[in-house]
């Protein structure tokens, strides 16, 4: 893989991690560990259609959280099923 796609993947890996006390995180009730939230019901960022992290990654970008990465094991109330 090379070119623009490679650059985008590198940029995604370098995104700062979203802090749970960030106003955006609070607005969507983001948590870093979905197992600690009953509302998640087994759903995580990794199995959300808005998550753009690589398969098996610990964290990655999210379509609603611009400029920051979220934990793959995390969850927020914007979770949407993958189609």
N, C-alpha and C. Protein backbone atom coordinates (compact mmCIF):
# COMPACT_ATOMS: atom_id res chain seq x y z
N UNK A 1 0.85 -1.16 0.00
CA UNK A 1 0.00 0.00 0.00
C UNK A 1 0.90 1.23 0.00
N UNK A 2 0.52 2.23 -0.74
CA UNK A 2 1.34 3.42 -0.76
C UNK A 2 0.49 4.62 -1.08
N UNK A 3 1.14 5.75 -1.23
CA UNK A 3 0.45 6.96 -1.63
C UNK A 3 -0.48 7.51 -0.56
N UNK A 4 -1.58 8.06 -1.04
CA UNK A 4 -2.53 8.74 -0.17
C UNK A 4 -3.14 7.82 0.89
N UNK A 5 -3.49 6.59 0.52
CA UNK A 5 -4.08 5.65 1.48
C UNK A 5 -3.12 5.37 2.62
N UNK A 6 -1.86 5.19 2.30
CA UNK A 6 -0.85 4.94 3.33
C UNK A 6 -0.70 6.14 4.26
N UNK A 7 -0.73 7.34 3.68
CA UNK A 7 -0.62 8.56 4.48
C UNK A 7 -1.81 8.69 5.42
N UNK A 8 -3.00 8.38 4.93
CA UNK A 8 -4.21 8.47 5.76
C UNK A 8 -4.15 7.49 6.93
N UNK A 9 -3.68 6.26 6.68
CA UNK A 9 -3.58 5.28 7.76
C UNK A 9 -2.57 5.72 8.81
N UNK A 10 -1.44 6.26 8.37
CA UNK A 10 -0.45 6.77 9.32
C UNK A 10 -1.05 7.90 10.14
N UNK A 11 -1.77 8.80 9.49
CA UNK A 11 -2.38 9.93 10.19
C UNK A 11 -3.39 9.44 11.22
N UNK A 12 -4.17 8.40 10.89
CA UNK A 12 -5.15 7.84 11.82
C UNK A 12 -4.46 7.25 13.04
N UNK A 13 -3.31 6.60 12.82
CA UNK A 13 -2.57 6.01 13.93
C UNK A 13 -2.00 7.07 14.86
N UNK A 14 -1.82 8.28 14.36
CA UNK A 14 -1.19 9.34 15.13
C UNK A 14 -2.20 10.27 15.79
N UNK A 15 -3.48 10.03 15.62
CA UNK A 15 -4.49 10.89 16.23
C UNK A 15 -4.39 10.82 17.75
N UNK A 16 -4.58 11.95 18.42
CA UNK A 16 -4.61 11.90 19.89
C UNK A 16 -5.88 11.18 20.36
N UNK A 17 -5.78 10.51 21.47
CA UNK A 17 -6.91 9.77 22.02
C UNK A 17 -7.91 10.73 22.66
N UNK A 18 -9.19 10.51 22.38
CA UNK A 18 -10.25 11.31 22.97
C UNK A 18 -10.29 11.08 24.48
N UNK A 19 -10.25 12.15 25.25
CA UNK A 19 -10.34 12.05 26.71
C UNK A 19 -11.81 11.96 27.11
N UNK A 20 -12.10 11.14 28.11
CA UNK A 20 -13.49 10.98 28.54
C UNK A 20 -14.07 12.26 29.12
N UNK A 21 -13.21 13.19 29.54
CA UNK A 21 -13.71 14.46 30.08
C UNK A 21 -13.80 15.56 29.02
N UNK A 22 -13.49 15.23 27.76
CA UNK A 22 -13.64 16.16 26.65
C UNK A 22 -15.13 16.48 26.49
N UNK A 23 -15.49 17.72 26.21
CA UNK A 23 -16.92 18.07 26.04
C UNK A 23 -17.63 17.23 24.97
N UNK A 24 -16.94 16.89 23.90
CA UNK A 24 -17.55 16.05 22.85
C UNK A 24 -17.81 14.66 23.40
N UNK A 25 -16.85 14.11 24.14
CA UNK A 25 -17.02 12.79 24.75
C UNK A 25 -18.20 12.78 25.71
N UNK A 26 -18.29 13.82 26.51
CA UNK A 26 -19.41 13.91 27.46
C UNK A 26 -20.74 14.02 26.75
N UNK A 27 -20.77 14.75 25.63
CA UNK A 27 -22.01 14.94 24.88
C UNK A 27 -22.58 13.63 24.35
N UNK A 28 -21.70 12.69 24.01
CA UNK A 28 -22.16 11.39 23.47
C UNK A 28 -22.01 10.27 24.50
N UNK A 29 -21.69 10.63 25.74
CA UNK A 29 -21.53 9.67 26.84
C UNK A 29 -20.47 8.61 26.54
N UNK A 30 -19.35 9.03 25.91
CA UNK A 30 -18.26 8.13 25.54
C UNK A 30 -17.57 7.56 26.77
N UNK A 31 -17.31 6.27 26.73
CA UNK A 31 -16.52 5.58 27.75
C UNK A 31 -15.45 4.77 27.03
N UNK A 32 -14.32 4.56 27.69
CA UNK A 32 -13.23 3.79 27.07
C UNK A 32 -13.42 2.28 27.19
N UNK A 33 -14.29 1.84 28.08
CA UNK A 33 -14.53 0.41 28.28
C UNK A 33 -16.04 0.15 28.31
N UNK A 34 -16.56 -0.34 27.19
CA UNK A 34 -18.00 -0.58 27.06
C UNK A 34 -18.53 -1.57 28.08
N UNK A 35 -17.66 -2.47 28.59
CA UNK A 35 -18.10 -3.47 29.56
C UNK A 35 -18.58 -2.83 30.86
N UNK A 36 -18.19 -1.59 31.10
CA UNK A 36 -18.56 -0.89 32.33
C UNK A 36 -19.88 -0.13 32.21
N UNK A 37 -20.52 -0.23 31.02
CA UNK A 37 -21.75 0.51 30.79
C UNK A 37 -22.86 -0.44 30.36
N UNK A 38 -23.88 -0.55 31.17
CA UNK A 38 -24.98 -1.46 30.88
C UNK A 38 -25.66 -1.12 29.55
N UNK A 39 -25.78 0.18 29.25
CA UNK A 39 -26.42 0.62 28.01
C UNK A 39 -25.77 0.05 26.75
N UNK A 40 -24.47 -0.24 26.82
CA UNK A 40 -23.73 -0.72 25.64
C UNK A 40 -24.22 -2.09 25.18
N UNK A 41 -24.69 -2.91 26.09
CA UNK A 41 -25.23 -4.24 25.78
C UNK A 41 -24.34 -5.05 24.84
N UNK A 42 -23.03 -5.04 25.09
CA UNK A 42 -22.11 -5.82 24.27
C UNK A 42 -21.59 -5.11 23.03
N UNK A 43 -22.09 -3.92 22.75
CA UNK A 43 -21.62 -3.15 21.61
C UNK A 43 -20.38 -2.37 21.99
N UNK A 44 -19.47 -2.18 21.03
CA UNK A 44 -18.25 -1.41 21.24
C UNK A 44 -18.00 -0.54 20.01
N UNK A 45 -17.06 0.37 20.15
CA UNK A 45 -16.66 1.17 19.00
C UNK A 45 -16.21 0.27 17.85
N UNK A 46 -15.50 -0.81 18.17
CA UNK A 46 -14.98 -1.71 17.13
C UNK A 46 -16.07 -2.32 16.27
N UNK A 47 -17.28 -2.50 16.81
CA UNK A 47 -18.35 -3.07 15.99
C UNK A 47 -19.43 -2.04 15.63
N UNK A 48 -19.04 -0.77 15.65
CA UNK A 48 -19.92 0.33 15.27
C UNK A 48 -19.63 0.74 13.82
N UNK A 49 -20.66 1.10 13.09
CA UNK A 49 -20.47 1.50 11.70
C UNK A 49 -19.76 2.85 11.56
N UNK A 50 -19.67 3.62 12.63
CA UNK A 50 -19.00 4.92 12.59
C UNK A 50 -17.50 4.82 12.87
N UNK A 51 -17.05 3.67 13.33
CA UNK A 51 -15.63 3.46 13.68
C UNK A 51 -14.84 3.14 12.43
N UNK A 52 -13.71 3.82 12.26
CA UNK A 52 -12.86 3.61 11.08
C UNK A 52 -11.50 3.04 11.42
N UNK A 53 -11.35 2.46 12.59
CA UNK A 53 -10.08 1.85 12.96
C UNK A 53 -9.85 0.55 12.20
N UNK A 54 -8.59 0.17 12.08
CA UNK A 54 -8.25 -1.08 11.42
C UNK A 54 -8.75 -2.26 12.25
N UNK A 55 -9.09 -3.36 11.60
CA UNK A 55 -9.50 -4.57 12.32
C UNK A 55 -8.39 -4.97 13.28
N UNK A 56 -8.74 -5.25 14.52
CA UNK A 56 -7.78 -5.67 15.52
C UNK A 56 -7.01 -4.54 16.18
N UNK A 57 -7.29 -3.29 15.79
CA UNK A 57 -6.58 -2.17 16.39
C UNK A 57 -7.13 -1.86 17.78
N UNK A 58 -6.32 -1.25 18.60
CA UNK A 58 -6.71 -0.87 19.96
C UNK A 58 -7.51 0.43 19.94
N UNK A 59 -7.23 1.29 18.97
CA UNK A 59 -7.95 2.55 18.85
C UNK A 59 -7.93 2.99 17.40
N UNK A 60 -8.82 3.92 17.08
CA UNK A 60 -8.89 4.42 15.72
C UNK A 60 -9.84 5.59 15.61
N UNK A 61 -9.95 6.16 14.41
CA UNK A 61 -10.82 7.30 14.21
C UNK A 61 -12.30 6.92 14.19
N UNK A 62 -13.11 7.89 14.51
CA UNK A 62 -14.57 7.74 14.50
C UNK A 62 -15.13 8.87 13.64
N UNK A 63 -16.16 8.57 12.87
CA UNK A 63 -16.74 9.57 11.97
C UNK A 63 -17.35 10.76 12.71
N UNK A 64 -17.78 10.59 13.95
CA UNK A 64 -18.38 11.73 14.66
C UNK A 64 -17.41 12.46 15.57
N UNK A 65 -16.26 11.88 15.83
CA UNK A 65 -15.24 12.52 16.68
C UNK A 65 -14.11 12.97 15.77
N UNK A 66 -14.13 14.19 15.34
CA UNK A 66 -13.15 14.70 14.39
C UNK A 66 -11.81 15.00 15.06
N UNK A 67 -10.74 14.51 14.45
CA UNK A 67 -9.39 14.84 14.90
C UNK A 67 -8.89 14.07 16.11
N UNK A 68 -9.66 13.10 16.60
CA UNK A 68 -9.24 12.31 17.76
C UNK A 68 -9.59 10.85 17.51
N UNK A 69 -8.86 9.99 18.18
CA UNK A 69 -9.13 8.55 18.10
C UNK A 69 -9.97 8.13 19.31
N UNK A 70 -10.68 7.04 19.16
CA UNK A 70 -11.45 6.45 20.26
C UNK A 70 -10.94 5.04 20.48
N UNK A 71 -11.13 4.52 21.67
CA UNK A 71 -10.74 3.15 21.99
C UNK A 71 -11.69 2.17 21.29
N UNK A 72 -11.15 1.13 20.69
CA UNK A 72 -11.96 0.11 20.04
C UNK A 72 -12.90 -0.55 21.04
N UNK A 73 -12.46 -0.66 22.29
CA UNK A 73 -13.27 -1.27 23.34
C UNK A 73 -14.26 -0.28 23.95
N UNK A 74 -14.24 0.96 23.47
CA UNK A 74 -15.12 1.99 24.00
C UNK A 74 -16.54 1.90 23.46
N UNK A 75 -17.34 2.88 23.83
CA UNK A 75 -18.74 2.94 23.40
C UNK A 75 -19.25 4.36 23.62
N UNK A 76 -20.22 4.77 22.81
CA UNK A 76 -20.94 6.02 23.07
C UNK A 76 -22.38 5.85 22.60
N UNK A 77 -23.22 6.83 22.94
CA UNK A 77 -24.64 6.68 22.62
C UNK A 77 -24.96 6.93 21.13
N UNK A 78 -23.94 7.20 20.32
CA UNK A 78 -24.13 7.33 18.87
C UNK A 78 -23.86 5.99 18.17
N UNK A 79 -23.61 4.93 18.95
CA UNK A 79 -23.30 3.62 18.37
C UNK A 79 -24.36 3.24 17.34
N UNK A 80 -23.89 2.75 16.19
CA UNK A 80 -24.80 2.32 15.11
C UNK A 80 -24.34 0.97 14.58
N UNK A 81 -25.27 0.07 14.29
CA UNK A 81 -24.88 -1.26 13.80
C UNK A 81 -24.22 -1.20 12.43
N UNK A 82 -23.29 -2.11 12.20
CA UNK A 82 -22.66 -2.24 10.89
C UNK A 82 -23.63 -2.91 9.94
N UNK A 83 -23.67 -2.44 8.73
CA UNK A 83 -24.57 -3.02 7.73
C UNK A 83 -23.82 -3.95 6.82
